[in-house]
């Protein structure tokens, strides 16, 4: 059974940092990229970071570039999303996804106060 479990959400402050993790099981982790998404209330999910299966390539939209950093540890079957210089617009539920599939975690809430 494929599982992805996010953790590390919570309350952050404007200009501060939070670190999210995604721990996976049930599939060959090294063969898939990991995508991180967020969803604000009433809006569709938007991608905030992507990392390739090898970890050698990453990509970010303009909204998170230079603030967010995605990494992965293939031995630990996990990915980490480091979020710096937070702003209230980063408030959302954050999800990790096995890239190219319908396998998602349940999400973790991030709330950033001004």
C-alpha atoms as a PDB file:
ATOM      1  CA  UNK A   1       0.000   0.000   0.000  1.00  0.00           C
ATOM      2  CA  UNK A   2       1.412   3.333  -1.058  1.00  0.00           C
ATOM      3  CA  UNK A   3       1.599   5.861   1.755  1.00  0.00           C
ATOM      4  CA  UNK A   4       2.921   9.388   2.004  1.00  0.00           C
ATOM      5  CA  UNK A   5       2.766  11.131   5.370  1.00  0.00           C
ATOM      6  CA  UNK A   6       3.510  14.805   5.841  1.00  0.00           C
ATOM      7  CA  UNK A   7       4.573  16.337   9.103  1.00  0.00           C
ATOM      8  CA  UNK A   8       6.007  19.567  10.445  1.00  0.00           C
ATOM      9  CA  UNK A   9       3.231  22.019   9.809  1.00  0.00           C
ATOM     10  CA  UNK A  10       2.051  24.487  12.378  1.00  0.00           C
ATOM     11  CA  UNK A  11       2.158  28.156  13.143  1.00  0.00           C
ATOM     12  CA  UNK A  12       4.875  30.284  11.621  1.00  0.00           C
ATOM     13  CA  UNK A  13       5.562  33.980  11.698  1.00  0.00           C
ATOM     14  CA  UNK A  14       6.164  36.367   8.862  1.00  0.00           C
ATOM     15  CA  UNK A  15       9.800  36.196   7.933  1.00  0.00           C
ATOM     16  CA  UNK A  16      10.281  32.960   9.808  1.00  0.00           C
ATOM     17  CA  UNK A  17      10.888  29.385   8.736  1.00  0.00           C
ATOM     18  CA  UNK A  18       9.214  26.001   8.882  1.00  0.00           C
ATOM     19  CA  UNK A  19      10.380  22.598   7.757  1.00  0.00           C
ATOM     20  CA  UNK A  20       7.997  19.979   6.414  1.00  0.00           C
ATOM     21  CA  UNK A  21       8.756  16.325   5.922  1.00  0.00           C
ATOM     22  CA  UNK A  22       7.219  13.617   3.785  1.00  0.00           C
ATOM     23  CA  UNK A  23       7.869  10.009   4.700  1.00  0.00           C
ATOM     24  CA  UNK A  24       6.831   7.353   2.221  1.00  0.00           C
ATOM     25  CA  UNK A  25       6.316   3.616   1.989  1.00  0.00           C
ATOM     26  CA  UNK A  26       4.863   1.006  -0.316  1.00  0.00           C
ATOM     27  CA  UNK A  27       6.567   1.859  -3.591  1.00  0.00           C
ATOM     28  CA  UNK A  28      10.078   2.064  -5.078  1.00  0.00           C
ATOM     29  CA  UNK A  29      10.902   5.524  -3.766  1.00  0.00           C
ATOM     30  CA  UNK A  30      14.043   5.972  -5.829  1.00  0.00           C
ATOM     31  CA  UNK A  31      12.106   5.643  -9.078  1.00  0.00           C
ATOM     32  CA  UNK A  32       9.787   8.609  -8.591  1.00  0.00           C
ATOM     33  CA  UNK A  33      10.097  12.308  -8.170  1.00  0.00           C
ATOM     34  CA  UNK A  34       8.354  14.069  -5.315  1.00  0.00           C
ATOM     35  CA  UNK A  35       6.118  17.079  -5.795  1.00  0.00           C
ATOM     36  CA  UNK A  36       5.026  19.399  -3.037  1.00  0.00           C
ATOM     37  CA  UNK A  37       1.722  21.223  -3.351  1.00  0.00           C
ATOM     38  CA  UNK A  38      -0.310  23.579  -1.254  1.00  0.00           C
ATOM     39  CA  UNK A  39      -3.986  24.329  -1.244  1.00  0.00           C
ATOM     40  CA  UNK A  40      -5.551  27.463   0.101  1.00  0.00           C
ATOM     41  CA  UNK A  41      -9.240  27.411   1.070  1.00  0.00           C
ATOM     42  CA  UNK A  42     -11.458  27.517  -1.980  1.00  0.00           C
ATOM     43  CA  UNK A  43      -8.572  27.208  -4.401  1.00  0.00           C
ATOM     44  CA  UNK A  44      -7.110  24.305  -6.376  1.00  0.00           C
ATOM     45  CA  UNK A  45      -3.789  22.797  -5.339  1.00  0.00           C
ATOM     46  CA  UNK A  46      -0.705  24.549  -6.658  1.00  0.00           C
ATOM     47  CA  UNK A  47       2.743  23.064  -6.940  1.00  0.00           C
ATOM     48  CA  UNK A  48       5.380  24.706  -4.770  1.00  0.00           C
ATOM     49  CA  UNK A  49       8.389  22.464  -5.390  1.00  0.00           C
ATOM     50  CA  UNK A  50       9.499  19.369  -7.269  1.00  0.00           C
ATOM     51  CA  UNK A  51      12.510  17.138  -6.944  1.00  0.00           C
ATOM     52  CA  UNK A  52      13.602  14.456  -9.347  1.00  0.00           C
ATOM     53  CA  UNK A  53      13.984  10.815  -8.434  1.00  0.00           C
ATOM     54  CA  UNK A  54      17.745  11.176  -8.122  1.00  0.00           C
ATOM     55  CA  UNK A  55      17.529  14.425  -6.223  1.00  0.00           C
ATOM     56  CA  UNK A  56      19.801  16.120  -8.733  1.00  0.00           C
ATOM     57  CA  UNK A  57      17.106  18.335 -10.230  1.00  0.00           C
ATOM     58  CA  UNK A  58      14.610  20.634  -8.579  1.00  0.00           C
ATOM     59  CA  UNK A  59      12.068  23.151  -9.792  1.00  0.00           C
ATOM     60  CA  UNK A  60      10.001  25.879  -8.170  1.00  0.00           C
ATOM     61  CA  UNK A  61       7.369  28.362  -9.277  1.00  0.00           C
ATOM     62  CA  UNK A  62       8.162  32.042  -8.953  1.00  0.00           C
ATOM     63  CA  UNK A  63       6.086  32.266  -5.775  1.00  0.00           C
ATOM     64  CA  UNK A  64       8.457  29.995  -3.839  1.00  0.00           C
ATOM     65  CA  UNK A  65      11.722  30.223  -5.729  1.00  0.00           C
ATOM     66  CA  UNK A  66      14.579  31.430  -3.512  1.00  0.00           C
ATOM     67  CA  UNK A  67      12.473  30.885  -0.387  1.00  0.00           C
ATOM     68  CA  UNK A  68      11.661  27.163  -0.469  1.00  0.00           C
ATOM     69  CA  UNK A  69      14.142  24.312  -0.808  1.00  0.00           C
ATOM     70  CA  UNK A  70      13.175  20.714  -1.479  1.00  0.00           C
ATOM     71  CA  UNK A  71      15.493  17.822  -0.732  1.00  0.00           C
ATOM     72  CA  UNK A  72      15.211  14.070  -0.469  1.00  0.00           C
ATOM     73  CA  UNK A  73      16.925  11.200   1.249  1.00  0.00           C
ATOM     74  CA  UNK A  74      16.484   8.054  -0.791  1.00  0.00           C
ATOM     75  CA  UNK A  75      17.800   5.863   2.002  1.00  0.00           C
ATOM     76  CA  UNK A  76      15.164   7.208   4.376  1.00  0.00           C
ATOM     77  CA  UNK A  77      12.466   7.302   1.708  1.00  0.00           C
ATOM     78  CA  UNK A  78      11.701  10.876   2.641  1.00  0.00           C
ATOM     79  CA  UNK A  79      11.589  14.395   1.326  1.00  0.00           C
ATOM     80  CA  UNK A  80      11.934  17.684   3.155  1.00  0.00           C
ATOM     81  CA  UNK A  81      10.559  21.085   2.239  1.00  0.00           C
ATOM     82  CA  UNK A  82      12.439  23.916   3.905  1.00  0.00           C
ATOM     83  CA  UNK A  83      10.374  27.102   3.848  1.00  0.00           C
ATOM     84  CA  UNK A  84      12.104  30.382   4.642  1.00  0.00           C
ATOM     85  CA  UNK A  85      11.022  34.009   4.712  1.00  0.00           C
ATOM     86  CA  UNK A  86       7.430  32.975   5.239  1.00  0.00           C
ATOM     87  CA  UNK A  87       4.582  35.331   4.536  1.00  0.00           C
ATOM     88  CA  UNK A  88       0.858  35.084   5.297  1.00  0.00           C
ATOM     89  CA  UNK A  89       0.175  34.070   1.673  1.00  0.00           C
ATOM     90  CA  UNK A  90       1.997  30.817   2.436  1.00  0.00           C
ATOM     91  CA  UNK A  91      -0.870  29.796   4.712  1.00  0.00           C
ATOM     92  CA  UNK A  92      -2.303  26.594   3.257  1.00  0.00           C
ATOM     93  CA  UNK A  93      -2.461  22.836   3.626  1.00  0.00           C
ATOM     94  CA  UNK A  94       0.741  21.363   2.231  1.00  0.00           C
ATOM     95  CA  UNK A  95       0.857  17.989   0.519  1.00  0.00           C
ATOM     96  CA  UNK A  96       3.503  15.761  -0.961  1.00  0.00           C
ATOM     97  CA  UNK A  97       2.750  13.667  -3.978  1.00  0.00           C
ATOM     98  CA  UNK A  98       4.480  10.847  -5.788  1.00  0.00           C
ATOM     99  CA  UNK A  99       5.104  12.650  -9.042  1.00  0.00           C
ATOM    100  CA  UNK A 100       3.013  11.552 -11.992  1.00  0.00           C
ATOM    101  CA  UNK A 101       0.596   9.516  -9.907  1.00  0.00           C
ATOM    102  CA  UNK A 102      -2.506   9.977  -7.798  1.00  0.00           C
ATOM    103  CA  UNK A 103      -0.643   9.096  -4.616  1.00  0.00           C
ATOM    104  CA  UNK A 104      -0.899  11.983  -2.180  1.00  0.00           C
ATOM    105  CA  UNK A 105      -0.406  12.434   1.523  1.00  0.00           C
ATOM    106  CA  UNK A 106      -3.163  13.752   3.741  1.00  0.00           C
ATOM    107  CA  UNK A 107      -1.489  17.102   4.158  1.00  0.00           C
ATOM    108  CA  UNK A 108      -0.237  19.275   6.966  1.00  0.00           C
ATOM    109  CA  UNK A 109      -1.573  22.717   7.836  1.00  0.00           C
ATOM    110  CA  UNK A 110       0.759  25.696   7.725  1.00  0.00           C
ATOM    111  CA  UNK A 111      -0.463  28.982   9.125  1.00  0.00           C
ATOM    112  CA  UNK A 112       1.678  32.100   8.907  1.00  0.00           C
ATOM    113  CA  UNK A 113       0.827  35.115  11.020  1.00  0.00           C
ATOM    114  CA  UNK A 114       1.744  38.644  10.110  1.00  0.00           C
END
